[in-house]
Amino acid sequence: MKRPVITMNIIKEDIGYSAHTLIQGKFIGTEGDDFEDLKTNILEVVNLSFKDQHFTYQMEDIVIKRDLII
């Protein structure tokens, strides 16, 4: 199976940021206090979500779609 392309939708919340996507029927979501914290959390949740398929992602492999200007 080919490793899927991950596009995370980023939203600025009242406090911090959130990110979510739906891929292969899986909802993947996380949040962070600041943008750097969010990127760390995105990488962790994506890699945990695809661990059973033995896919590993780096941050540069994940497309960030901003729903706002960060």
N, C-alpha and C. Protein backbone atom coordinates (compact mmCIF):
# COMPACT_ATOMS: atom_id res chain seq x y z
N MET A 1 0.84 -1.18 0.00
CA MET A 1 0.00 0.00 0.00
C MET A 1 0.89 1.24 0.00
N LYS A 2 0.50 2.22 -0.80
CA LYS A 2 1.23 3.46 -0.89
C LYS A 2 0.93 4.35 0.31
N ARG A 3 1.96 5.00 0.80
CA ARG A 3 1.79 5.92 1.93
C ARG A 3 0.92 7.10 1.52
N PRO A 4 -0.17 7.37 2.25
CA PRO A 4 -1.06 8.47 1.87
C PRO A 4 -0.44 9.84 2.12
N VAL A 5 -0.86 10.80 1.31
CA VAL A 5 -0.48 12.20 1.52
C VAL A 5 -1.38 12.74 2.62
N ILE A 6 -0.78 13.37 3.60
CA ILE A 6 -1.52 13.94 4.73
C ILE A 6 -1.61 15.45 4.58
N THR A 7 -2.83 15.98 4.59
CA THR A 7 -3.05 17.42 4.59
C THR A 7 -3.79 17.77 5.87
N MET A 8 -3.14 18.53 6.73
CA MET A 8 -3.73 18.93 8.01
C MET A 8 -4.32 20.34 7.87
N ASN A 9 -5.55 20.51 8.30
CA ASN A 9 -6.22 21.81 8.33
C ASN A 9 -5.94 22.46 9.68
N ILE A 10 -5.36 23.65 9.64
CA ILE A 10 -4.95 24.36 10.86
C ILE A 10 -5.95 25.47 11.16
N ILE A 11 -6.35 25.56 12.41
CA ILE A 11 -7.29 26.60 12.85
C ILE A 11 -6.71 27.32 14.06
N LYS A 12 -6.75 28.64 14.03
CA LYS A 12 -6.36 29.45 15.19
C LYS A 12 -7.53 29.47 16.15
N GLU A 13 -7.29 29.01 17.35
CA GLU A 13 -8.33 28.99 18.39
C GLU A 13 -8.17 30.21 19.28
N ASP A 14 -9.09 30.40 20.22
CA ASP A 14 -8.96 31.51 21.16
C ASP A 14 -7.63 31.41 21.91
N ILE A 15 -7.28 30.20 22.27
CA ILE A 15 -5.98 29.95 22.90
C ILE A 15 -5.31 28.82 22.12
N GLY A 16 -4.25 29.14 21.40
CA GLY A 16 -3.49 28.14 20.68
C GLY A 16 -4.05 27.82 19.30
N TYR A 17 -3.73 26.60 18.84
CA TYR A 17 -4.08 26.15 17.50
C TYR A 17 -4.62 24.73 17.56
N SER A 18 -5.43 24.38 16.57
CA SER A 18 -5.84 22.99 16.42
C SER A 18 -5.59 22.57 14.97
N ALA A 19 -5.50 21.25 14.76
CA ALA A 19 -5.28 20.70 13.43
C ALA A 19 -6.10 19.43 13.31
N HIS A 20 -6.64 19.21 12.10
CA HIS A 20 -7.42 17.99 11.88
C HIS A 20 -7.39 17.59 10.41
N THR A 21 -7.69 16.32 10.18
CA THR A 21 -7.84 15.79 8.83
C THR A 21 -8.65 14.51 8.91
N LEU A 22 -9.15 14.09 7.78
CA LEU A 22 -9.84 12.81 7.66
C LEU A 22 -9.17 12.08 6.51
N ILE A 23 -8.57 10.94 6.81
CA ILE A 23 -7.87 10.17 5.79
C ILE A 23 -8.07 8.68 6.04
N GLN A 24 -8.37 7.96 4.99
CA GLN A 24 -8.65 6.52 5.07
C GLN A 24 -9.70 6.22 6.14
N GLY A 25 -10.69 7.08 6.25
CA GLY A 25 -11.75 6.89 7.23
C GLY A 25 -11.36 7.17 8.66
N LYS A 26 -10.15 7.69 8.87
CA LYS A 26 -9.67 8.02 10.22
C LYS A 26 -9.70 9.53 10.42
N PHE A 27 -10.30 9.96 11.53
CA PHE A 27 -10.18 11.35 11.93
C PHE A 27 -8.90 11.48 12.73
N ILE A 28 -8.05 12.41 12.33
CA ILE A 28 -6.81 12.67 13.06
C ILE A 28 -6.86 14.12 13.50
N GLY A 29 -6.72 14.36 14.79
CA GLY A 29 -6.78 15.71 15.30
C GLY A 29 -5.84 15.90 16.47
N THR A 30 -5.41 17.15 16.66
CA THR A 30 -4.55 17.49 17.77
C THR A 30 -4.61 19.00 17.99
N GLU A 31 -3.93 19.47 19.02
CA GLU A 31 -3.87 20.90 19.31
C GLU A 31 -2.52 21.24 19.90
N GLY A 32 -2.23 22.53 19.97
CA GLY A 32 -0.98 22.99 20.56
C GLY A 32 -1.11 24.40 21.06
N ASP A 33 -0.30 24.73 22.06
CA ASP A 33 -0.33 26.07 22.64
C ASP A 33 0.19 27.12 21.68
N ASP A 34 1.18 26.76 20.85
CA ASP A 34 1.72 27.64 19.83
C ASP A 34 1.97 26.80 18.58
N PHE A 35 2.40 27.45 17.49
CA PHE A 35 2.52 26.75 16.22
C PHE A 35 3.61 25.67 16.27
N GLU A 36 4.69 25.91 16.96
CA GLU A 36 5.76 24.90 17.07
C GLU A 36 5.28 23.69 17.86
N ASP A 37 4.55 23.93 18.92
CA ASP A 37 3.97 22.85 19.72
C ASP A 37 2.97 22.05 18.86
N LEU A 38 2.20 22.75 18.06
CA LEU A 38 1.23 22.09 17.18
C LEU A 38 1.94 21.18 16.18
N LYS A 39 3.01 21.66 15.57
CA LYS A 39 3.74 20.84 14.59
C LYS A 39 4.28 19.57 15.24
N THR A 40 4.80 19.68 16.44
CA THR A 40 5.29 18.50 17.17
C THR A 40 4.15 17.51 17.41
N ASN A 41 3.00 18.02 17.83
CA ASN A 41 1.85 17.17 18.10
C ASN A 41 1.29 16.54 16.83
N ILE A 42 1.30 17.29 15.72
CA ILE A 42 0.84 16.75 14.43
C ILE A 42 1.69 15.54 14.05
N LEU A 43 2.98 15.71 14.12
CA LEU A 43 3.89 14.64 13.74
C LEU A 43 3.67 13.40 14.61
N GLU A 44 3.49 13.60 15.88
CA GLU A 44 3.27 12.48 16.80
C GLU A 44 1.96 11.75 16.49
N VAL A 45 0.86 12.49 16.31
CA VAL A 45 -0.43 11.85 16.10
C VAL A 45 -0.50 11.18 14.72
N VAL A 46 0.11 11.77 13.71
CA VAL A 46 0.11 11.14 12.39
C VAL A 46 0.90 9.84 12.42
N ASN A 47 2.08 9.86 13.02
CA ASN A 47 2.88 8.65 13.09
C ASN A 47 2.21 7.56 13.93
N LEU A 48 1.53 7.94 14.99
CA LEU A 48 0.78 6.95 15.78
C LEU A 48 -0.38 6.36 14.98
N SER A 49 -1.02 7.20 14.18
CA SER A 49 -2.17 6.75 13.40
C SER A 49 -1.80 5.74 12.32
N PHE A 50 -0.57 5.82 11.81
CA PHE A 50 -0.15 4.94 10.73
C PHE A 50 0.92 3.94 11.16
N LYS A 51 1.11 3.81 12.45
CA LYS A 51 2.11 2.88 12.98
C LYS A 51 1.82 1.44 12.55
N ASP A 52 0.55 1.06 12.55
CA ASP A 52 0.19 -0.32 12.18
C ASP A 52 0.46 -0.62 10.71
N GLN A 53 0.56 0.43 9.87
CA GLN A 53 0.87 0.24 8.46
C GLN A 53 2.36 0.44 8.18
N HIS A 54 3.13 0.71 9.23
CA HIS A 54 4.59 0.90 9.16
C HIS A 54 4.98 2.10 8.30
N PHE A 55 4.14 3.15 8.31
CA PHE A 55 4.47 4.39 7.63
C PHE A 55 5.05 5.36 8.65
N THR A 56 6.11 6.05 8.26
CA THR A 56 6.72 7.07 9.11
C THR A 56 6.76 8.38 8.34
N TYR A 57 6.36 9.44 8.99
CA TYR A 57 6.31 10.77 8.38
C TYR A 57 7.28 11.71 9.08
N GLN A 58 7.78 12.66 8.32
CA GLN A 58 8.52 13.81 8.84
C GLN A 58 7.62 15.03 8.59
N MET A 59 7.87 16.12 9.26
CA MET A 59 7.01 17.29 9.12
C MET A 59 6.96 17.77 7.67
N GLU A 60 8.05 17.66 6.93
CA GLU A 60 8.06 18.11 5.54
C GLU A 60 7.21 17.22 4.63
N ASP A 61 6.79 16.05 5.11
CA ASP A 61 5.92 15.15 4.36
C ASP A 61 4.45 15.51 4.52
N ILE A 62 4.13 16.36 5.47
CA ILE A 62 2.75 16.70 5.80
C ILE A 62 2.42 18.08 5.25
N VAL A 63 1.33 18.15 4.48
CA VAL A 63 0.89 19.42 3.91
C VAL A 63 0.07 20.16 4.96
N ILE A 64 0.43 21.43 5.17
CA ILE A 64 -0.26 22.27 6.13
C ILE A 64 -1.20 23.21 5.35
N LYS A 65 -2.48 23.10 5.63
CA LYS A 65 -3.47 23.99 5.01
C LYS A 65 -3.98 24.92 6.09
N ARG A 66 -3.63 26.16 5.99
CA ARG A 66 -4.00 27.13 7.01
C ARG A 66 -5.36 27.72 6.73
N ASP A 67 -6.23 27.62 7.71
CA ASP A 67 -7.55 28.24 7.61
C ASP A 67 -7.50 29.68 8.12
N LEU A 68 -6.30 30.19 8.27
CA LEU A 68 -6.08 31.53 8.78
C LEU A 68 -4.66 31.96 8.43
N ILE A 69 -4.33 33.17 8.68
CA ILE A 69 -2.95 33.63 8.51
C ILE A 69 -2.24 33.45 9.83
N ILE A 70 -1.19 32.63 9.81
CA ILE A 70 -0.42 32.34 11.04
C ILE A 70 0.79 33.25 11.07
